Amino acid sequence: MPKIGDIKSGGKAIQRRIYQSCPQCGKERWVALPSTKRPNYTGLCHQCNASVRGGNRVKKDYRGKHSDGYVVIKLQPDDFFYPMAGREGYVLEHRLIMAQSLGRCLHSWEIVHHCNHKRDDNRIENLQLVSDDRHKQISILEAKIARLQKRVKELEAENRRLKNVKQT
């Protein structure tokens, strides 16, 4: 068992770490040594730091945005839909809404498709449960429709130009 102040190096990140305890709750953990030298370093663990910064972030209703635009929600371990969550306890909101609508957890191979392609529009009428191969078919058809609609607009504009030329 390490002691407070012990330093180790190596591991996956070739970074030196120091064993410290949180000044607020006393939780002991390894901390990256360079981070302890920052001027804004408080020594607080993640949970205490979250509570100081604006509320505990482990509430069920915590919402955030994933880097790719999807909305994520933090679930508690006692939640019925928790098996759908990742390692950190987060689940994509559109998958959670579809699961709640069906009354069961979704399987990992089930895909929830946004009909209007807006990743943060998670109304149930905008969501469609599909398999992977069906989702690919939908994506291909929607891309083809978009190309054809663009071509129709181009041809309509060309028709208008030709009519204007004839009239003059």
N, C-alpha and C. Protein backbone atom coordinates (compact mmCIF):
# COMPACT_ATOMS: atom_id res chain seq x y z
N MET A 1 0.86 -1.19 0.00
CA MET A 1 0.00 0.00 0.00
C MET A 1 0.89 1.24 0.00
N PRO A 2 0.68 2.15 -0.97
CA PRO A 2 1.52 3.36 -1.02
C PRO A 2 1.21 4.31 0.14
N LYS A 3 2.17 5.16 0.43
CA LYS A 3 2.02 6.17 1.48
C LYS A 3 1.89 7.54 0.82
N ILE A 4 1.23 8.47 1.52
CA ILE A 4 1.08 9.83 1.02
C ILE A 4 2.47 10.40 0.75
N GLY A 5 2.64 10.96 -0.46
CA GLY A 5 3.92 11.55 -0.85
C GLY A 5 4.79 10.62 -1.68
N ASP A 6 4.43 9.33 -1.78
CA ASP A 6 5.21 8.40 -2.62
C ASP A 6 5.12 8.83 -4.07
N ILE A 7 6.22 8.66 -4.80
CA ILE A 7 6.26 9.02 -6.21
C ILE A 7 6.59 7.77 -7.01
N LYS A 8 5.88 7.59 -8.12
CA LYS A 8 6.17 6.46 -9.02
C LYS A 8 6.24 6.98 -10.44
N SER A 9 6.93 6.25 -11.28
CA SER A 9 6.99 6.61 -12.70
C SER A 9 6.79 5.34 -13.50
N GLY A 10 6.48 5.53 -14.77
CA GLY A 10 6.24 4.38 -15.62
C GLY A 10 4.76 4.18 -15.85
N GLY A 11 4.40 2.99 -16.25
CA GLY A 11 3.00 2.71 -16.57
C GLY A 11 2.70 3.08 -18.00
N LYS A 12 1.43 3.16 -18.34
CA LYS A 12 1.04 3.49 -19.71
C LYS A 12 1.49 4.89 -20.08
N ALA A 13 1.11 5.86 -19.27
CA ALA A 13 1.56 7.22 -19.52
C ALA A 13 2.90 7.35 -18.80
N ILE A 14 3.94 7.63 -19.54
CA ILE A 14 5.27 7.66 -18.94
C ILE A 14 5.40 8.98 -18.17
N GLN A 15 4.58 9.12 -17.19
CA GLN A 15 4.49 10.35 -16.43
C GLN A 15 4.65 10.00 -14.95
N ARG A 16 5.38 10.82 -14.26
CA ARG A 16 5.55 10.58 -12.83
C ARG A 16 4.27 10.94 -12.09
N ARG A 17 3.95 10.16 -11.06
CA ARG A 17 2.74 10.37 -10.28
C ARG A 17 3.09 10.42 -8.81
N ILE A 18 2.28 11.15 -8.06
CA ILE A 18 2.47 11.27 -6.62
C ILE A 18 1.19 10.80 -5.93
N TYR A 19 1.33 10.12 -4.81
CA TYR A 19 0.18 9.60 -4.06
C TYR A 19 -0.28 10.69 -3.09
N GLN A 20 -1.51 11.16 -3.24
CA GLN A 20 -2.03 12.25 -2.42
C GLN A 20 -3.42 11.91 -1.90
N SER A 21 -3.86 12.69 -0.92
CA SER A 21 -5.24 12.56 -0.44
C SER A 21 -5.97 13.87 -0.69
N CYS A 22 -7.25 13.76 -0.93
CA CYS A 22 -8.09 14.94 -1.17
C CYS A 22 -8.23 15.70 0.14
N PRO A 23 -7.96 17.01 0.16
CA PRO A 23 -8.07 17.78 1.40
C PRO A 23 -9.50 17.88 1.93
N GLN A 24 -10.50 17.63 1.06
CA GLN A 24 -11.89 17.77 1.49
C GLN A 24 -12.47 16.45 2.01
N CYS A 25 -12.32 15.37 1.23
CA CYS A 25 -12.95 14.10 1.62
C CYS A 25 -11.94 13.06 2.12
N GLY A 26 -10.66 13.28 1.87
CA GLY A 26 -9.63 12.36 2.34
C GLY A 26 -9.37 11.19 1.42
N LYS A 27 -10.02 11.12 0.26
CA LYS A 27 -9.82 10.01 -0.68
C LYS A 27 -8.38 10.04 -1.18
N GLU A 28 -7.72 8.88 -1.12
CA GLU A 28 -6.34 8.79 -1.56
C GLU A 28 -6.29 8.28 -3.00
N ARG A 29 -5.37 8.89 -3.79
CA ARG A 29 -5.25 8.49 -5.19
C ARG A 29 -3.92 8.96 -5.75
N TRP A 30 -3.56 8.38 -6.92
CA TRP A 30 -2.37 8.80 -7.64
C TRP A 30 -2.71 10.01 -8.51
N VAL A 31 -1.86 11.02 -8.48
CA VAL A 31 -2.08 12.25 -9.24
C VAL A 31 -0.84 12.50 -10.09
N ALA A 32 -1.05 12.95 -11.34
CA ALA A 32 0.07 13.28 -12.21
C ALA A 32 0.88 14.41 -11.58
N LEU A 33 2.17 14.20 -11.45
CA LEU A 33 3.04 15.16 -10.77
C LEU A 33 3.04 16.54 -11.43
N PRO A 34 3.08 16.63 -12.78
CA PRO A 34 3.07 17.97 -13.40
C PRO A 34 1.81 18.78 -13.06
N SER A 35 0.68 18.10 -12.88
CA SER A 35 -0.56 18.84 -12.59
C SER A 35 -0.52 19.48 -11.20
N THR A 36 0.27 18.92 -10.29
CA THR A 36 0.35 19.48 -8.94
C THR A 36 1.11 20.80 -8.93
N LYS A 37 1.84 21.07 -9.98
CA LYS A 37 2.64 22.29 -10.05
C LYS A 37 1.89 23.45 -10.70
N ARG A 38 0.69 23.20 -11.19
CA ARG A 38 -0.10 24.27 -11.82
C ARG A 38 -0.59 25.25 -10.76
N PRO A 39 -0.70 26.53 -11.12
CA PRO A 39 -1.13 27.53 -10.13
C PRO A 39 -2.55 27.35 -9.63
N ASN A 40 -3.44 26.79 -10.44
CA ASN A 40 -4.83 26.62 -10.02
C ASN A 40 -5.10 25.24 -9.43
N TYR A 41 -4.07 24.45 -9.12
CA TYR A 41 -4.25 23.10 -8.57
C TYR A 41 -4.77 23.18 -7.16
N THR A 42 -5.89 22.48 -6.88
CA THR A 42 -6.51 22.52 -5.55
C THR A 42 -6.24 21.26 -4.74
N GLY A 43 -5.89 20.16 -5.41
CA GLY A 43 -5.68 18.90 -4.72
C GLY A 43 -6.96 18.12 -4.50
N LEU A 44 -8.09 18.66 -4.95
CA LEU A 44 -9.38 18.00 -4.76
C LEU A 44 -9.53 16.83 -5.73
N CYS A 45 -10.23 15.78 -5.30
CA CYS A 45 -10.54 14.66 -6.18
C CYS A 45 -11.62 15.12 -7.17
N HIS A 46 -11.94 14.28 -8.15
CA HIS A 46 -12.91 14.66 -9.18
C HIS A 46 -14.28 15.00 -8.59
N GLN A 47 -14.77 14.18 -7.66
CA GLN A 47 -16.10 14.42 -7.10
C GLN A 47 -16.15 15.72 -6.29
N CYS A 48 -15.15 15.94 -5.44
CA CYS A 48 -15.14 17.17 -4.63
C CYS A 48 -14.97 18.39 -5.53
N ASN A 49 -14.15 18.27 -6.56
CA ASN A 49 -13.94 19.38 -7.48
C ASN A 49 -15.24 19.70 -8.21
N ALA A 50 -16.00 18.67 -8.61
CA ALA A 50 -17.28 18.89 -9.29
C ALA A 50 -18.28 19.58 -8.37
N SER A 51 -18.31 19.18 -7.10
CA SER A 51 -19.27 19.78 -6.18
C SER A 51 -18.91 21.23 -5.88
N VAL A 52 -17.61 21.55 -5.87
CA VAL A 52 -17.18 22.93 -5.63
C VAL A 52 -17.48 23.79 -6.85
N ARG A 53 -17.32 23.22 -8.05
CA ARG A 53 -17.47 24.00 -9.28
C ARG A 53 -18.92 24.23 -9.69
N GLY A 54 -19.87 23.65 -9.06
CA GLY A 54 -21.25 23.92 -9.46
C GLY A 54 -22.14 22.71 -9.40
N GLY A 55 -22.11 22.03 -8.33
CA GLY A 55 -23.03 20.92 -8.16
C GLY A 55 -22.40 19.59 -8.47
N ASN A 56 -22.91 18.59 -7.84
CA ASN A 56 -22.41 17.24 -8.05
C ASN A 56 -22.86 16.77 -9.42
N ARG A 57 -21.95 16.29 -10.23
CA ARG A 57 -22.28 15.93 -11.61
C ARG A 57 -22.73 14.49 -11.76
N VAL A 58 -23.10 13.86 -10.68
CA VAL A 58 -23.56 12.48 -10.80
C VAL A 58 -25.08 12.39 -10.69
N LYS A 59 -25.75 13.51 -10.84
CA LYS A 59 -27.21 13.49 -10.81
C LYS A 59 -27.72 12.80 -12.06
N LYS A 60 -28.90 12.19 -11.97
CA LYS A 60 -29.47 11.50 -13.11
C LYS A 60 -29.78 12.46 -14.24
N ASP A 61 -30.16 13.67 -13.89
CA ASP A 61 -30.58 14.61 -14.93
C ASP A 61 -29.43 15.42 -15.50
N TYR A 62 -28.19 15.03 -15.21
CA TYR A 62 -27.07 15.76 -15.79
C TYR A 62 -27.06 15.54 -17.29
N ARG A 63 -27.08 16.62 -18.05
CA ARG A 63 -27.04 16.55 -19.51
C ARG A 63 -25.81 17.28 -19.99
N GLY A 64 -25.24 16.77 -21.02
CA GLY A 64 -24.09 17.41 -21.64
C GLY A 64 -24.10 17.09 -23.12
N LYS A 65 -23.15 17.65 -23.84
CA LYS A 65 -23.04 17.36 -25.27
C LYS A 65 -21.77 16.60 -25.52
N HIS A 66 -21.89 15.54 -26.27
CA HIS A 66 -20.75 14.74 -26.69
C HIS A 66 -20.01 15.53 -27.76
N SER A 67 -18.75 15.23 -27.98
CA SER A 67 -17.95 15.99 -28.94
C SER A 67 -18.50 15.92 -30.36
N ASP A 68 -19.25 14.88 -30.69
CA ASP A 68 -19.80 14.77 -32.04
C ASP A 68 -21.23 15.28 -32.15
N GLY A 69 -21.71 16.00 -31.14
CA GLY A 69 -23.02 16.66 -31.22
C GLY A 69 -24.17 15.94 -30.56
N TYR A 70 -23.98 14.69 -30.13
CA TYR A 70 -25.04 13.96 -29.46
C TYR A 70 -25.16 14.40 -28.01
N VAL A 71 -26.37 14.37 -27.47
CA VAL A 71 -26.61 14.73 -26.08
C VAL A 71 -26.42 13.47 -25.23
N VAL A 72 -25.70 13.62 -24.11
CA VAL A 72 -25.47 12.49 -23.21
C VAL A 72 -26.09 12.78 -21.85
N ILE A 73 -26.49 11.72 -21.16
CA ILE A 73 -27.10 11.84 -19.84
C ILE A 73 -26.40 10.87 -18.90
N LYS A 74 -26.14 11.34 -17.69
CA LYS A 74 -25.51 10.50 -16.67
C LYS A 74 -26.61 9.75 -15.93
N LEU A 75 -26.44 8.43 -15.81
CA LEU A 75 -27.41 7.60 -15.10
C LEU A 75 -26.81 7.08 -13.80
N GLN A 76 -27.68 6.84 -12.84
CA GLN A 76 -27.27 6.23 -11.57
C GLN A 76 -27.22 4.72 -11.74
N PRO A 77 -26.36 4.03 -10.99
CA PRO A 77 -26.27 2.57 -11.11
C PRO A 77 -27.58 1.84 -10.80
N ASP A 78 -28.48 2.45 -10.02
CA ASP A 78 -29.74 1.77 -9.70
C ASP A 78 -30.83 2.01 -10.75
N ASP A 79 -30.52 2.75 -11.82
CA ASP A 79 -31.48 3.03 -12.88
C ASP A 79 -31.73 1.77 -13.71
N PHE A 80 -32.97 1.55 -14.12
CA PHE A 80 -33.34 0.39 -14.93
C PHE A 80 -32.55 0.34 -16.23
N PHE A 81 -32.24 1.50 -16.81
CA PHE A 81 -31.56 1.58 -18.11
C PHE A 81 -30.05 1.68 -17.97
N TYR A 82 -29.52 1.54 -16.77
CA TYR A 82 -28.08 1.66 -16.54
C TYR A 82 -27.24 0.66 -17.35
N PRO A 83 -27.73 -0.55 -17.65
CA PRO A 83 -26.93 -1.46 -18.46
C PRO A 83 -26.57 -0.90 -19.84
N MET A 84 -27.31 0.09 -20.32
CA MET A 84 -27.00 0.70 -21.61
C MET A 84 -25.87 1.72 -21.51
N ALA A 85 -25.53 2.14 -20.31
CA ALA A 85 -24.53 3.19 -20.11
C ALA A 85 -23.13 2.64 -20.33
N GLY A 86 -22.22 3.56 -20.65
CA GLY A 86 -20.82 3.20 -20.81
C GLY A 86 -20.13 3.10 -19.46
N ARG A 87 -18.81 3.00 -19.49
CA ARG A 87 -18.04 2.83 -18.26
C ARG A 87 -18.23 3.96 -17.26
N GLU A 88 -18.39 5.18 -17.76
CA GLU A 88 -18.54 6.34 -16.88
C GLU A 88 -19.98 6.57 -16.43
N GLY A 89 -20.92 5.76 -16.91
CA GLY A 89 -22.32 5.90 -16.52
C GLY A 89 -23.13 6.79 -17.44
N TYR A 90 -22.57 7.17 -18.58
CA TYR A 90 -23.28 8.05 -19.52
C TYR A 90 -23.94 7.21 -20.61
N VAL A 91 -25.10 7.70 -21.07
CA VAL A 91 -25.82 7.06 -22.17
C VAL A 91 -26.24 8.17 -23.13
N LEU A 92 -26.25 7.85 -24.42
CA LEU A 92 -26.72 8.82 -25.41
C LEU A 92 -28.22 9.02 -25.23
N GLU A 93 -28.64 10.29 -25.18
CA GLU A 93 -30.03 10.60 -24.86
C GLU A 93 -31.01 9.98 -25.85
N HIS A 94 -30.70 9.99 -27.13
CA HIS A 94 -31.65 9.45 -28.11
C HIS A 94 -31.84 7.94 -27.91
N ARG A 95 -30.81 7.24 -27.49
CA ARG A 95 -30.96 5.81 -27.21
C ARG A 95 -31.80 5.59 -25.95
N LEU A 96 -31.59 6.47 -24.94
CA LEU A 96 -32.37 6.36 -23.70
C LEU A 96 -33.85 6.64 -23.97
N ILE A 97 -34.15 7.65 -24.76
CA ILE A 97 -35.54 7.99 -25.07
C ILE A 97 -36.23 6.84 -25.82
N MET A 98 -35.52 6.25 -26.77
CA MET A 98 -36.09 5.12 -27.51
C MET A 98 -36.31 3.93 -26.58
N ALA A 99 -35.35 3.67 -25.69
CA ALA A 99 -35.49 2.55 -24.75
C ALA A 99 -36.68 2.78 -23.81
N GLN A 100 -36.83 4.00 -23.32
CA GLN A 100 -37.96 4.32 -22.45
C GLN A 100 -39.28 4.16 -23.20
N SER A 101 -39.30 4.53 -24.46
CA SER A 101 -40.51 4.39 -25.27
C SER A 101 -40.87 2.91 -25.46
N LEU A 102 -39.86 2.06 -25.64
CA LEU A 102 -40.10 0.63 -25.83
C LEU A 102 -40.29 -0.11 -24.50
N GLY A 103 -39.82 0.49 -23.41
CA GLY A 103 -39.93 -0.14 -22.10
C GLY A 103 -38.89 -1.22 -21.86
N ARG A 104 -37.77 -1.15 -22.60
CA ARG A 104 -36.69 -2.12 -22.43
C ARG A 104 -35.36 -1.48 -22.82
N CYS A 105 -34.28 -2.11 -22.39
CA CYS A 105 -32.95 -1.65 -22.79
C CYS A 105 -32.71 -2.02 -24.25
N LEU A 106 -31.98 -1.17 -24.95
CA LEU A 106 -31.65 -1.46 -26.34
C LEU A 106 -30.45 -2.39 -26.41
N HIS A 107 -30.40 -3.21 -27.43
CA HIS A 107 -29.23 -4.03 -27.68
C HIS A 107 -28.16 -3.17 -28.34
N SER A 108 -26.92 -3.58 -28.20
CA SER A 108 -25.81 -2.77 -28.75
C SER A 108 -25.88 -2.66 -30.27
N TRP A 109 -26.47 -3.64 -30.94
CA TRP A 109 -26.52 -3.60 -32.40
C TRP A 109 -27.70 -2.78 -32.93
N GLU A 110 -28.61 -2.38 -32.06
CA GLU A 110 -29.75 -1.57 -32.50
C GLU A 110 -29.31 -0.12 -32.63
N ILE A 111 -29.72 0.50 -33.71
CA ILE A 111 -29.33 1.88 -34.01
C ILE A 111 -30.56 2.77 -33.96
N VAL A 112 -30.42 3.93 -33.34
CA VAL A 112 -31.51 4.90 -33.31
C VAL A 112 -31.15 6.00 -34.31
N HIS A 113 -31.97 6.12 -35.34
CA HIS A 113 -31.74 7.05 -36.45
C HIS A 113 -32.50 8.35 -36.21
N HIS A 114 -31.83 9.49 -36.40
CA HIS A 114 -32.49 10.79 -36.34
C HIS A 114 -33.04 11.10 -37.74
N CYS A 115 -34.35 11.17 -37.88
CA CYS A 115 -34.97 11.37 -39.19
C CYS A 115 -34.57 12.69 -39.83
N ASN A 116 -34.43 13.76 -39.02
CA ASN A 116 -34.08 15.06 -39.59
C ASN A 116 -32.58 15.35 -39.53
N HIS A 117 -31.79 14.38 -39.13
CA HIS A 117 -30.32 14.45 -39.08
C HIS A 117 -29.78 15.45 -38.07
N LYS A 118 -30.62 15.95 -37.18
CA LYS A 118 -30.16 16.86 -36.13
C LYS A 118 -29.89 16.02 -34.89
N ARG A 119 -28.63 15.92 -34.50
CA ARG A 119 -28.23 15.00 -33.44
C ARG A 119 -28.72 15.39 -32.05
N ASP A 120 -29.14 16.64 -31.89
CA ASP A 120 -29.63 17.05 -30.58
C ASP A 120 -31.16 17.18 -30.54
N ASP A 121 -31.84 16.78 -31.62
CA ASP A 121 -33.30 16.78 -31.67
C ASP A 121 -33.78 15.37 -31.31
N ASN A 122 -34.04 15.15 -30.03
CA ASN A 122 -34.34 13.82 -29.53
C ASN A 122 -35.82 13.60 -29.22
N ARG A 123 -36.70 14.26 -29.97
CA ARG A 123 -38.13 14.00 -29.83
C ARG A 123 -38.40 12.61 -30.38
N ILE A 124 -39.30 11.88 -29.72
CA ILE A 124 -39.57 10.49 -30.12
C ILE A 124 -40.07 10.41 -31.56
N GLU A 125 -40.81 11.42 -32.04
CA GLU A 125 -41.30 11.40 -33.42
C GLU A 125 -40.17 11.60 -34.44
N ASN A 126 -39.00 12.05 -33.98
CA ASN A 126 -37.85 12.24 -34.86
C ASN A 126 -36.91 11.03 -34.83
N LEU A 127 -37.20 10.05 -33.98
CA LEU A 127 -36.31 8.90 -33.81
C LEU A 127 -36.91 7.65 -34.44
N GLN A 128 -36.02 6.81 -34.98
CA GLN A 128 -36.45 5.58 -35.64
C GLN A 128 -35.46 4.48 -35.26
N LEU A 129 -35.96 3.36 -34.78
CA LEU A 129 -35.11 2.23 -34.39
C LEU A 129 -34.87 1.34 -35.61
N VAL A 130 -33.60 1.15 -35.97
CA VAL A 130 -33.25 0.36 -37.15
C VAL A 130 -32.05 -0.52 -36.86
N SER A 131 -31.86 -1.52 -37.70
CA SER A 131 -30.66 -2.35 -37.62
C SER A 131 -29.54 -1.66 -38.40
N ASP A 132 -28.32 -2.17 -38.28
CA ASP A 132 -27.18 -1.55 -38.93
C ASP A 132 -27.33 -1.55 -40.46
N ASP A 133 -27.70 -2.68 -41.04
CA ASP A 133 -27.83 -2.73 -42.50
C ASP A 133 -28.97 -1.84 -42.99
N ARG A 134 -30.05 -1.78 -42.24
CA ARG A 134 -31.17 -0.89 -42.61
C ARG A 134 -30.75 0.58 -42.51
N HIS A 135 -29.95 0.90 -41.50
CA HIS A 135 -29.47 2.27 -41.34
C HIS A 135 -28.60 2.67 -42.53
N LYS A 136 -27.77 1.76 -43.00
CA LYS A 136 -26.93 2.04 -44.17
C LYS A 136 -27.79 2.29 -45.40
N GLN A 137 -28.85 1.48 -45.56
CA GLN A 137 -29.76 1.67 -46.69
C GLN A 137 -30.43 3.04 -46.62
N ILE A 138 -30.89 3.41 -45.44
CA ILE A 138 -31.54 4.71 -45.26
C ILE A 138 -30.57 5.82 -45.61
N SER A 139 -29.34 5.72 -45.11
CA SER A 139 -28.33 6.76 -45.37
C SER A 139 -28.04 6.89 -46.86
N ILE A 140 -27.92 5.76 -47.56
CA ILE A 140 -27.64 5.79 -49.00
C ILE A 140 -28.81 6.43 -49.74
N LEU A 141 -30.04 6.03 -49.41
CA LEU A 141 -31.22 6.59 -50.08
C LEU A 141 -31.37 8.09 -49.80
N GLU A 142 -31.15 8.49 -48.55
CA GLU A 142 -31.27 9.92 -48.22
C GLU A 142 -30.23 10.74 -48.95
N ALA A 143 -29.02 10.21 -49.10
CA ALA A 143 -27.97 10.92 -49.84
C ALA A 143 -28.35 11.05 -51.32
N LYS A 144 -28.92 9.97 -51.86
CA LYS A 144 -29.36 9.97 -53.26
C LYS A 144 -30.48 10.99 -53.47
N ILE A 145 -31.45 11.01 -52.55
CA ILE A 145 -32.56 11.97 -52.63
C ILE A 145 -32.03 13.40 -52.57
N ALA A 146 -31.07 13.66 -51.66
CA ALA A 146 -30.50 15.00 -51.54
C ALA A 146 -29.81 15.41 -52.85
N ARG A 147 -29.07 14.49 -53.46
CA ARG A 147 -28.41 14.80 -54.75
C ARG A 147 -29.44 15.10 -55.83
N LEU A 148 -30.51 14.30 -55.88
CA LEU A 148 -31.55 14.51 -56.89
C LEU A 148 -32.29 15.83 -56.67
N GLN A 149 -32.57 16.17 -55.42
CA GLN A 149 -33.24 17.44 -55.13
C GLN A 149 -32.36 18.62 -55.56
N LYS A 150 -31.06 18.49 -55.32
CA LYS A 150 -30.14 19.55 -55.74
C LYS A 150 -30.16 19.68 -57.27
N ARG A 151 -30.16 18.53 -57.95
CA ARG A 151 -30.18 18.53 -59.42
C ARG A 151 -31.48 19.14 -59.95
N VAL A 152 -32.61 18.84 -59.31
CA VAL A 152 -33.90 19.42 -59.71
C VAL A 152 -33.85 20.94 -59.59
N LYS A 153 -33.30 21.44 -58.50
CA LYS A 153 -33.19 22.90 -58.32
C LYS A 153 -32.32 23.53 -59.40
N GLU A 154 -31.21 22.85 -59.73
CA GLU A 154 -30.33 23.37 -60.79
C GLU A 154 -31.07 23.42 -62.13
N LEU A 155 -31.82 22.36 -62.44
CA LEU A 155 -32.55 22.31 -63.71
C LEU A 155 -33.68 23.33 -63.74
N GLU A 156 -34.37 23.54 -62.61
CA GLU A 156 -35.42 24.56 -62.56
C GLU A 156 -34.83 25.95 -62.79
N ALA A 157 -33.67 26.21 -62.19
CA ALA A 157 -33.02 27.51 -62.38
C ALA A 157 -32.61 27.67 -63.85
N GLU A 158 -32.12 26.61 -64.47
CA GLU A 158 -31.74 26.66 -65.88
C GLU A 158 -32.96 26.91 -66.76
N ASN A 159 -34.08 26.27 -66.44
CA ASN A 159 -35.33 26.49 -67.20
C ASN A 159 -35.76 27.95 -67.11
N ARG A 160 -35.68 28.53 -65.91
CA ARG A 160 -36.07 29.93 -65.75
C ARG A 160 -35.17 30.83 -66.60
N ARG A 161 -33.87 30.55 -66.60
CA ARG A 161 -32.94 31.36 -67.40
C ARG A 161 -33.27 31.24 -68.90
N LEU A 162 -33.57 30.02 -69.37
CA LEU A 162 -33.89 29.81 -70.77
C LEU A 162 -35.19 30.51 -71.16
N LYS A 163 -36.18 30.50 -70.27
CA LYS A 163 -37.44 31.20 -70.55
C LYS A 163 -37.21 32.69 -70.66
N ASN A 164 -36.37 33.23 -69.80
CA ASN A 164 -36.04 34.66 -69.82
C ASN A 164 -35.31 35.01 -71.12
N VAL A 165 -34.45 34.17 -71.59
CA VAL A 165 -33.70 34.41 -72.82
C VAL A 165 -34.65 34.40 -74.03
N LYS A 166 -35.63 33.44 -74.05
CA LYS A 166 -36.60 33.34 -75.14
C LYS A 166 -37.48 34.58 -75.21
N GLN A 167 -37.88 35.10 -74.06
CA GLN A 167 -38.80 36.24 -74.03
C GLN A 167 -38.11 37.52 -74.49
N THR A 168 -36.82 37.60 -74.44
CA THR A 168 -36.13 38.81 -74.85
C THR A 168 -35.71 38.82 -76.26
